[in-house]
């Protein structure tokens, strides 16, 4: 049946519509709040329904009034809504790309084949065969729209999947449509951190490692760490990585949590040395003899509007876990991993960038280990500060404990790693010791 459908679709009288349901990389006010004052508006990512008549390159929509929606909708459309949109396009088509307007070639021809793709599957199976496309079930709009499309547009004989050409993504969606959706700098209410996506910018970052890293962040955020440790109290993490069968490397870092969900500044910090970690602790607890370093590595738990669009789309494509949070966009918080360093040339300007894969592995392992220990009743907790901010008990050493967990940083391959966790002693830090 599929082979016959493909043969018909490729016949001389075939008319193929490629339908791409794409979540735009832009934020706009929701339909319910768009008329409110800017501070009262709520953000959403609009969705584009891009219909391309592949034989002519026409971008199609339907004729509509000024008060009606076109091919951009506020929320991700249901299969029923997509079917209704396509039926209106078939009945009253409108060419959108100016270079094709007025040609008239085939504009009113009804489709014989409809091929779907969505944000998560835009480039899936690119370069593969038609047979592989036909059997692919990753795009919900294929099976979800098939019966409705064939019922409302009787000319359609085949509904299947097809990936979106890279040129359409790059030149049309990214280059033309999305820039028009973004507000000007002066009017921008919601902004995204100017960071590249994890998968796009970090060598060796795979979907499996993303799932493990986001899972570690979720486990840490939900482990109740605030009941166990003081803010900024350093935790020593030590583990060995196997470089070759006969070569291992021992790595050590010092981690701590900071902030609260209520204040919207909850984060997980990674320091290379105990001194750097303790300086941050001392400053947090009022030690005026020391000054914190502006450099460091952090995972902040942020709203979707503060997260790179590449990460939002990668998470949707690979179903990485997130932290539930009432009142946030989508009801979740996102882990945002970054590091701050001094500009090497000027020596004073700060640069924000992504950590390397081995640095992200430190986040992955440390978050998993701390979350596991925080959930145990083994004395991992550090006594809270006493009256008048007395930190005597907080500074005492504890541990070590041993944790075994998995890492997926090695090109997505799972490896078990043993981690030693301890609370190092924090002797009171004076100005001369710091300097």
Protein backbone atom coordinates (compact mmCIF):
# COMPACT_ATOMS: atom_id res chain seq x y z
CA UNK A 1 0.00 0.00 0.00
CA UNK A 2 2.80 2.41 0.92
CA UNK A 3 4.74 1.62 -2.25
CA UNK A 4 1.60 2.25 -4.29
CA UNK A 5 1.00 5.51 -2.45
CA UNK A 6 4.53 6.67 -3.15
CA UNK A 7 4.17 5.77 -6.79
CA UNK A 8 0.99 7.81 -7.02
CA UNK A 9 2.58 10.70 -5.11
CA UNK A 10 5.45 10.80 -7.59
CA UNK A 11 3.23 10.60 -10.66
CA UNK A 12 3.14 13.46 -13.12
CA UNK A 13 -0.12 14.82 -11.72
CA UNK A 14 0.99 14.55 -8.09
CA UNK A 15 0.70 17.60 -5.87
CA UNK A 16 2.62 17.37 -2.58
CA UNK A 17 2.11 19.63 0.37
CA UNK A 18 4.89 19.61 2.94
CA UNK A 19 3.36 20.73 6.25
CA UNK A 20 5.78 21.84 8.95
CA UNK A 21 4.29 22.60 12.38
CA UNK A 22 7.05 24.64 13.98
CA UNK A 23 7.34 26.22 17.42
CA UNK A 24 8.94 29.58 16.68
CA UNK A 25 12.02 30.81 18.52
CA UNK A 26 10.27 33.91 19.77
CA UNK A 27 8.17 34.99 22.75
CA UNK A 28 4.89 36.85 22.42
CA UNK A 29 2.09 37.63 24.90
CA UNK A 30 -0.50 34.87 25.27
CA UNK A 31 -3.83 35.41 23.58
CA UNK A 32 -5.50 35.98 26.96
CA UNK A 33 -3.00 38.64 28.09
CA UNK A 34 -1.94 40.42 24.89
CA UNK A 35 -4.23 43.40 25.59
CA UNK A 36 -2.89 43.90 29.13
CA UNK A 37 -0.08 46.16 30.28
CA UNK A 38 3.40 44.69 29.57
CA UNK A 39 4.07 43.84 33.22
CA UNK A 40 0.83 41.83 33.35
CA UNK A 41 1.38 39.88 30.15
CA UNK A 42 2.39 36.22 30.12
CA UNK A 43 4.75 34.78 27.48
CA UNK A 44 4.20 31.97 25.03
CA UNK A 45 6.04 30.62 22.00
CA UNK A 46 3.79 30.91 18.94
CA UNK A 47 3.52 28.08 16.43
CA UNK A 48 3.88 28.38 12.67
CA UNK A 49 2.00 26.07 10.30
CA UNK A 50 4.14 26.27 7.16
CA UNK A 51 2.59 24.69 4.07
CA UNK A 52 4.88 24.33 1.06
CA UNK A 53 3.69 23.17 -2.34
CA UNK A 54 6.90 21.31 -3.17
CA UNK A 55 6.49 21.30 -6.96
CA UNK A 56 6.42 25.13 -7.19
CA UNK A 57 7.96 26.31 -3.91
CA UNK A 58 4.83 28.24 -2.96
CA UNK A 59 4.20 28.92 0.72
CA UNK A 60 0.46 28.59 1.28
CA UNK A 61 -2.07 29.81 3.79
CA UNK A 62 -5.77 30.55 3.45
CA UNK A 63 -7.52 33.83 2.78
CA UNK A 64 -8.76 35.34 6.04
CA UNK A 65 -9.96 38.57 7.58
CA UNK A 66 -7.83 40.89 9.67
CA UNK A 67 -9.38 39.55 12.87
CA UNK A 68 -8.75 35.92 11.96
CA UNK A 69 -5.66 33.86 12.58
CA UNK A 70 -3.43 33.01 9.66
CA UNK A 71 -0.72 30.39 9.76
CA UNK A 72 0.73 31.56 13.11
CA UNK A 73 -1.15 30.52 16.25
CA UNK A 74 -0.55 31.27 19.91
CA UNK A 75 -0.43 27.70 21.19
CA UNK A 76 0.74 24.41 19.72
CA UNK A 77 -2.20 23.28 17.57
CA UNK A 78 -4.02 20.00 18.01
CA UNK A 79 -4.28 17.55 15.14
CA UNK A 80 -7.90 18.61 14.64
CA UNK A 81 -6.86 22.27 14.38
CA UNK A 82 -4.19 21.44 11.80
CA UNK A 83 -6.70 19.45 9.73
CA UNK A 84 -9.14 22.37 9.82
CA UNK A 85 -6.37 24.78 8.76
CA UNK A 86 -5.36 22.57 5.82
CA UNK A 87 -8.95 22.18 4.66
CA UNK A 88 -9.29 25.97 4.56
CA UNK A 89 -6.03 26.23 2.59
CA UNK A 90 -7.37 23.69 0.09
CA UNK A 91 -10.65 25.56 -0.31
CA UNK A 92 -9.27 29.11 -0.48
CA UNK A 93 -5.48 29.12 -0.92
CA UNK A 94 -3.33 32.21 -0.52
CA UNK A 95 0.30 32.42 -1.66
CA UNK A 96 2.55 34.03 0.96
CA UNK A 97 5.95 34.33 -0.73
CA UNK A 98 6.00 37.45 -2.88
CA UNK A 99 8.21 35.89 -5.56
CA UNK A 100 5.46 33.38 -6.33
CA UNK A 101 2.45 35.68 -6.16
CA UNK A 102 0.78 36.16 -9.50
CA UNK A 103 2.38 33.11 -11.12
CA UNK A 104 -0.87 31.19 -10.74
CA UNK A 105 0.88 27.91 -11.54
CA UNK A 106 -0.94 25.19 -9.63
CA UNK A 107 -2.02 27.40 -6.74
CA UNK A 108 -5.57 26.03 -6.74
CA UNK A 109 -4.55 22.41 -7.38
CA UNK A 110 -5.60 20.15 -4.55
CA UNK A 111 -2.86 18.03 -2.93
CA UNK A 112 -2.58 14.31 -3.58
CA UNK A 113 0.03 13.81 -0.85
CA UNK A 114 0.57 15.56 2.49
CA UNK A 115 3.88 15.09 4.32
CA UNK A 116 4.19 16.30 7.93
CA UNK A 117 7.07 17.30 10.21
CA UNK A 118 7.14 19.12 13.55
CA UNK A 119 9.69 20.98 15.67
CA UNK A 120 11.03 17.83 17.33
CA UNK A 121 11.28 15.88 14.05
CA UNK A 122 12.24 18.64 11.61
CA UNK A 123 15.52 16.99 10.55
CA UNK A 124 14.76 13.39 11.52
CA UNK A 125 15.80 10.83 8.88
CA UNK A 126 17.24 13.56 6.64
CA UNK A 127 18.93 11.85 3.71
CA UNK A 128 17.14 8.55 4.30
CA UNK A 129 14.83 6.71 1.91
CA UNK A 130 11.12 7.25 1.28
CA UNK A 131 10.46 3.82 2.78
CA UNK A 132 12.07 4.91 6.06
CA UNK A 133 10.08 8.14 6.05
CA UNK A 134 6.86 6.19 5.49
CA UNK A 135 7.45 3.94 8.50
CA UNK A 136 8.53 6.76 10.84
CA UNK A 137 6.01 7.47 13.62
CA UNK A 138 7.88 10.16 15.55
CA UNK A 139 5.71 13.05 14.35
CA UNK A 140 2.30 13.01 16.02
CA UNK A 141 0.66 14.91 13.17
CA UNK A 142 1.11 12.02 10.69
CA UNK A 143 -1.18 9.48 12.35
CA UNK A 144 -3.16 12.16 14.17
CA UNK A 145 -4.14 14.00 10.99
CA UNK A 146 -4.30 11.20 8.41
CA UNK A 147 -8.01 10.31 8.66
CA UNK A 148 -9.13 13.92 9.00
CA UNK A 149 -7.06 15.15 6.05
CA UNK A 150 -8.30 12.36 3.77
CA UNK A 151 -11.90 13.01 4.82
CA UNK A 152 -11.80 16.80 4.36
CA UNK A 153 -9.50 16.88 1.31
CA UNK A 154 -10.63 13.88 -0.82
CA UNK A 155 -7.85 14.41 -3.38
CA UNK A 156 -5.24 13.29 -0.79
CA UNK A 157 -4.20 9.67 -1.30
CA UNK A 158 -1.17 9.55 1.00
CA UNK A 159 -0.28 11.08 4.37
CA UNK A 160 3.22 10.43 5.68
CA UNK A 161 6.38 12.00 7.15
CA UNK A 162 9.14 13.98 5.45
CA UNK A 163 11.99 15.98 7.07
CA UNK A 164 12.25 19.71 6.49
CA UNK A 165 15.04 20.76 4.08
CA UNK A 166 17.90 22.51 5.84
CA UNK A 167 17.56 25.49 3.51
CA UNK A 168 13.94 26.02 4.59
CA UNK A 169 14.93 25.97 8.25
CA UNK A 170 17.94 28.23 7.79
CA UNK A 171 16.79 30.71 5.17
CA UNK A 172 13.04 30.86 5.61
CA UNK A 173 12.20 30.03 9.23
CA UNK A 174 15.36 31.27 10.98
CA UNK A 175 16.31 33.95 8.45
CA UNK A 176 12.96 35.52 7.61
CA UNK A 177 10.01 34.49 9.75
CA UNK A 178 11.44 34.36 13.28
CA UNK A 179 13.20 37.76 13.15
CA UNK A 180 9.85 39.38 12.31
CA UNK A 181 8.30 37.82 15.42
CA UNK A 182 10.87 39.20 17.85
CA UNK A 183 10.23 42.58 19.48
CA UNK A 184 12.68 45.42 19.08
CA UNK A 185 15.37 45.81 21.73
CA UNK A 186 13.57 48.75 23.31
CA UNK A 187 10.26 46.92 23.53
CA UNK A 188 11.57 43.54 24.61
CA UNK A 189 9.89 42.22 27.75
CA UNK A 190 11.20 38.66 27.74
CA UNK A 191 14.77 37.90 26.81
CA UNK A 192 16.86 34.80 26.32
CA UNK A 193 20.37 34.46 27.68
CA UNK A 194 22.88 35.12 24.93
CA UNK A 195 24.34 31.63 25.14
CA UNK A 196 24.58 28.98 22.43
CA UNK A 197 22.69 25.73 22.76
CA UNK A 198 24.34 22.86 24.62
CA UNK A 199 24.21 20.41 21.72
CA UNK A 200 25.27 23.05 19.20
CA UNK A 201 28.27 24.42 21.08
CA UNK A 202 29.79 21.64 23.20
CA UNK A 203 31.87 18.95 21.55
CA UNK A 204 30.69 15.50 22.61
CA UNK A 205 27.32 16.63 24.00
CA UNK A 206 24.81 13.91 23.06
CA UNK A 207 21.08 13.49 23.69
CA UNK A 208 21.80 10.72 26.23
CA UNK A 209 24.20 12.95 28.13
CA UNK A 210 21.61 15.73 28.03
CA UNK A 211 19.06 13.40 29.60
CA UNK A 212 21.52 12.40 32.32
CA UNK A 213 22.62 16.00 33.00
CA UNK A 214 19.07 17.36 33.18
CA UNK A 215 18.07 14.36 35.31
CA UNK A 216 20.92 15.12 37.72
CA UNK A 217 19.80 18.75 37.95
CA UNK A 218 16.22 17.68 38.66
CA UNK A 219 17.34 15.19 41.34
CA UNK A 220 19.43 17.88 43.06
CA UNK A 221 16.69 20.50 42.92
CA UNK A 222 14.21 18.11 44.52
CA UNK A 223 16.44 16.50 47.18
CA UNK A 224 15.72 19.02 49.95
CA UNK A 225 19.31 20.26 50.14
CA UNK A 226 18.30 23.36 52.12
CA UNK A 227 17.36 21.14 55.07
CA UNK A 228 20.79 19.50 55.00
CA UNK A 229 23.40 22.17 54.37
CA UNK A 230 24.05 25.83 54.91
CA UNK A 231 24.06 28.01 51.82
CA UNK A 232 27.45 28.01 50.10
CA UNK A 233 28.81 25.27 52.45
CA UNK A 234 31.47 23.56 50.25
CA UNK A 235 31.14 19.85 49.52
CA UNK A 236 34.20 18.05 48.21
CA UNK A 237 33.64 15.76 45.21
CA UNK A 238 36.42 13.41 44.05
CA UNK A 239 36.31 10.72 41.37
CA UNK A 240 38.48 8.95 38.80
CA UNK A 241 38.01 8.95 35.05
CA UNK A 242 39.45 6.17 32.93
CA UNK A 243 41.26 7.72 29.98
CA UNK A 244 42.55 4.38 28.67
CA UNK A 245 42.49 0.84 29.95
CA UNK A 246 45.72 1.48 31.83
CA UNK A 247 45.41 5.21 32.59
CA UNK A 248 43.08 6.95 35.05
CA UNK A 249 42.86 10.56 36.18
CA UNK A 250 41.63 11.74 39.58
CA UNK A 251 39.48 14.87 39.51
CA UNK A 252 38.39 17.00 42.44
CA UNK A 253 35.99 19.89 42.71
CA UNK A 254 34.08 21.72 45.44
CA UNK A 255 30.37 22.36 45.07
CA UNK A 256 27.68 24.25 46.97
CA UNK A 257 24.13 25.44 46.57
CA UNK A 258 23.03 29.04 46.70
CA UNK A 259 19.77 30.99 46.75
CA UNK A 260 16.18 29.80 47.05
CA UNK A 261 13.35 28.96 44.70
CA UNK A 262 11.25 31.62 46.42
CA UNK A 263 13.79 34.33 45.55
CA UNK A 264 14.20 32.86 42.05
CA UNK A 265 17.99 32.62 42.41
CA UNK A 266 18.46 28.95 43.32
CA UNK A 267 21.66 27.52 41.88
CA UNK A 268 24.46 24.97 42.10
CA UNK A 269 28.06 26.22 42.01
CA UNK A 270 31.21 24.34 41.09
CA UNK A 271 34.65 25.56 42.21
CA UNK A 272 38.05 24.19 41.27
CA UNK A 273 39.66 24.79 44.67
CA UNK A 274 38.56 24.73 48.29
CA UNK A 275 39.84 28.27 48.74
CA UNK A 276 37.55 29.61 46.01
CA UNK A 277 34.60 27.69 47.46
CA UNK A 278 35.28 28.83 51.00
CA UNK A 279 35.69 32.47 49.98
CA UNK A 280 32.15 32.35 48.58
CA UNK A 281 30.97 30.76 51.84
CA UNK A 282 32.70 33.39 53.97
CA UNK A 283 31.22 36.27 51.98
CA UNK A 284 27.76 34.69 52.20
CA UNK A 285 28.07 34.66 55.99
CA UNK A 286 29.36 38.20 56.45
CA UNK A 287 33.15 37.83 56.52
CA UNK A 288 34.29 41.26 55.33
CA UNK A 289 37.96 40.30 55.25
CA UNK A 290 37.64 38.47 51.96
CA UNK A 291 36.28 39.26 48.50
CA UNK A 292 34.69 36.69 46.21
CA UNK A 293 36.02 35.87 42.79
CA UNK A 294 33.82 36.96 39.92
CA UNK A 295 34.79 33.83 38.00
CA UNK A 296 33.16 30.44 38.40
CA UNK A 297 30.76 27.83 37.06
CA UNK A 298 27.07 27.72 37.89
CA UNK A 299 23.83 25.95 37.13
CA UNK A 300 20.94 28.34 37.68
CA UNK A 301 17.35 27.12 37.66
CA UNK A 302 15.68 29.53 35.30
CA UNK A 303 12.43 30.21 33.49
CA UNK A 304 12.00 29.08 29.89
CA UNK A 305 12.26 32.68 28.71
CA UNK A 306 15.82 32.84 30.10
CA UNK A 307 16.86 29.58 28.41
CA UNK A 308 18.39 29.37 24.91
CA UNK A 309 15.83 28.32 22.31
CA UNK A 310 18.19 25.57 21.14
CA UNK A 311 17.96 23.95 24.58
CA UNK A 312 14.17 24.32 24.66
CA UNK A 313 13.88 22.55 21.31
CA UNK A 314 16.47 19.88 22.16
CA UNK A 315 14.61 19.07 25.36
CA UNK A 316 11.32 18.74 23.47
CA UNK A 317 12.98 16.47 20.91
CA UNK A 318 14.63 14.19 23.46
CA UNK A 319 12.28 14.47 26.45
CA UNK A 320 14.87 15.52 29.03
CA UNK A 321 13.48 15.81 32.60
CA UNK A 322 12.71 19.20 34.13
CA UNK A 323 11.92 20.60 37.58
CA UNK A 324 8.23 21.18 38.29
CA UNK A 325 7.50 24.74 39.46
CA UNK A 326 4.12 26.38 39.84
CA UNK A 327 3.71 29.77 38.24
CA UNK A 328 6.53 29.31 35.72
CA UNK A 329 6.10 29.13 31.95
CA UNK A 330 4.98 25.58 31.24
CA UNK A 331 5.01 24.83 34.97
CA UNK A 332 8.75 24.00 34.96
CA UNK A 333 12.21 25.41 35.64
CA UNK A 334 15.18 24.81 33.34
CA UNK A 335 18.82 24.16 34.35
CA UNK A 336 21.04 26.79 32.74
CA UNK A 337 24.73 25.81 32.81
CA UNK A 338 27.31 28.54 32.26
CA UNK A 339 30.67 29.83 33.41
CA UNK A 340 31.98 33.33 33.96
CA UNK A 341 35.62 34.17 33.25
CA UNK A 342 37.74 37.27 32.77
CA UNK A 343 38.47 38.22 29.20
CA UNK A 344 41.99 36.99 28.41
CA UNK A 345 42.87 40.05 26.35
CA UNK A 346 41.55 42.86 28.55
CA UNK A 347 41.88 41.06 31.88
CA UNK A 348 38.83 42.81 33.29
CA UNK A 349 35.77 42.29 31.08
CA UNK A 350 33.68 39.30 32.08
CA UNK A 351 32.72 36.67 29.52
CA UNK A 352 29.80 34.26 29.90
CA UNK A 353 30.17 30.97 28.06
CA UNK A 354 29.27 27.29 28.19
CA UNK A 355 31.36 24.82 30.23
CA UNK A 356 33.27 22.11 28.34
CA UNK A 357 32.00 18.52 28.36
CA UNK A 358 34.36 17.45 31.16
CA UNK A 359 33.18 20.41 33.26
CA UNK A 360 29.55 19.50 32.65
CA UNK A 361 30.38 15.96 33.72
CA UNK A 362 31.46 17.41 37.08
CA UNK A 363 27.97 18.95 37.38
CA UNK A 364 26.36 15.66 36.37
CA UNK A 365 28.27 13.54 38.90
CA UNK A 366 28.25 16.08 41.75
CA UNK A 367 24.52 16.74 41.51
CA UNK A 368 23.75 13.03 41.46
CA UNK A 369 26.02 12.33 44.43
CA UNK A 370 24.76 15.22 46.56
CA UNK A 371 21.14 14.33 45.78
CA UNK A 372 21.67 10.71 46.80
CA UNK A 373 23.35 11.65 50.07
CA UNK A 374 20.80 14.34 50.91
CA UNK A 375 18.06 11.71 50.74
CA UNK A 376 19.92 9.35 53.08
CA UNK A 377 19.89 9.52 56.85
CA UNK A 378 23.63 9.06 57.30
CA UNK A 379 24.63 12.27 58.98
CA UNK A 380 25.36 14.03 55.71
CA UNK A 381 23.54 17.06 57.00
CA UNK A 382 25.60 19.87 58.45
CA UNK A 383 24.23 21.51 61.59
CA UNK A 384 22.69 24.91 60.84
CA UNK A 385 24.24 28.10 62.07
CA UNK A 386 23.67 28.67 65.75
CA UNK A 387 22.44 31.75 67.52
CA UNK A 388 24.01 35.01 66.39
CA UNK A 389 25.22 33.25 63.23
CA UNK A 390 27.65 30.92 65.03
CA UNK A 391 29.21 28.68 62.36
CA UNK A 392 31.29 26.44 64.65
CA UNK A 393 29.32 23.29 63.87
CA UNK A 394 28.91 24.19 60.23
CA UNK A 395 32.68 24.38 59.77
CA UNK A 396 33.38 20.89 61.17
CA UNK A 397 34.48 18.16 58.71
CA UNK A 398 32.24 15.18 57.95
CA UNK A 399 32.50 12.06 55.82
CA UNK A 400 33.77 10.73 53.56
CA UNK A 401 30.93 8.83 51.88
CA UNK A 402 31.12 6.74 48.72
CA UNK A 403 28.53 6.91 45.97
CA UNK A 404 28.35 4.92 42.75
CA UNK A 405 26.49 6.49 39.86
CA UNK A 406 26.41 6.58 36.07
CA UNK A 407 27.79 9.15 33.67
CA UNK A 408 26.94 9.55 29.99
CA UNK A 409 29.58 12.14 29.14
CA UNK A 410 31.69 9.69 27.12
CA UNK A 411 29.90 10.29 23.81
CA UNK A 412 26.65 9.11 25.35
CA UNK A 413 28.00 5.75 26.48
CA UNK A 414 27.14 4.78 30.04
CA UNK A 415 29.96 4.27 32.51
CA UNK A 416 29.78 3.65 36.24
CA UNK A 417 31.87 5.99 38.38
CA UNK A 418 32.65 5.84 42.09
CA UNK A 419 32.52 9.21 43.82
CA UNK A 420 33.95 10.17 47.19
CA UNK A 421 31.99 12.91 48.94
CA UNK A 422 33.04 14.79 52.07
CA UNK A 423 32.49 18.02 53.95
CA UNK A 424 35.98 19.54 54.35
CA UNK A 425 36.93 21.45 57.47
CA UNK A 426 36.49 25.20 57.10
CA UNK A 427 39.02 26.96 59.29
CA UNK A 428 38.15 30.62 59.81
CA UNK A 429 39.57 32.62 56.94
CA UNK A 430 41.42 35.85 57.66
CA UNK A 431 42.44 38.58 55.28
CA UNK A 432 46.14 37.70 55.32
CA UNK A 433 45.36 34.03 54.64
CA UNK A 434 43.20 34.97 51.69
CA UNK A 435 45.76 37.36 50.22
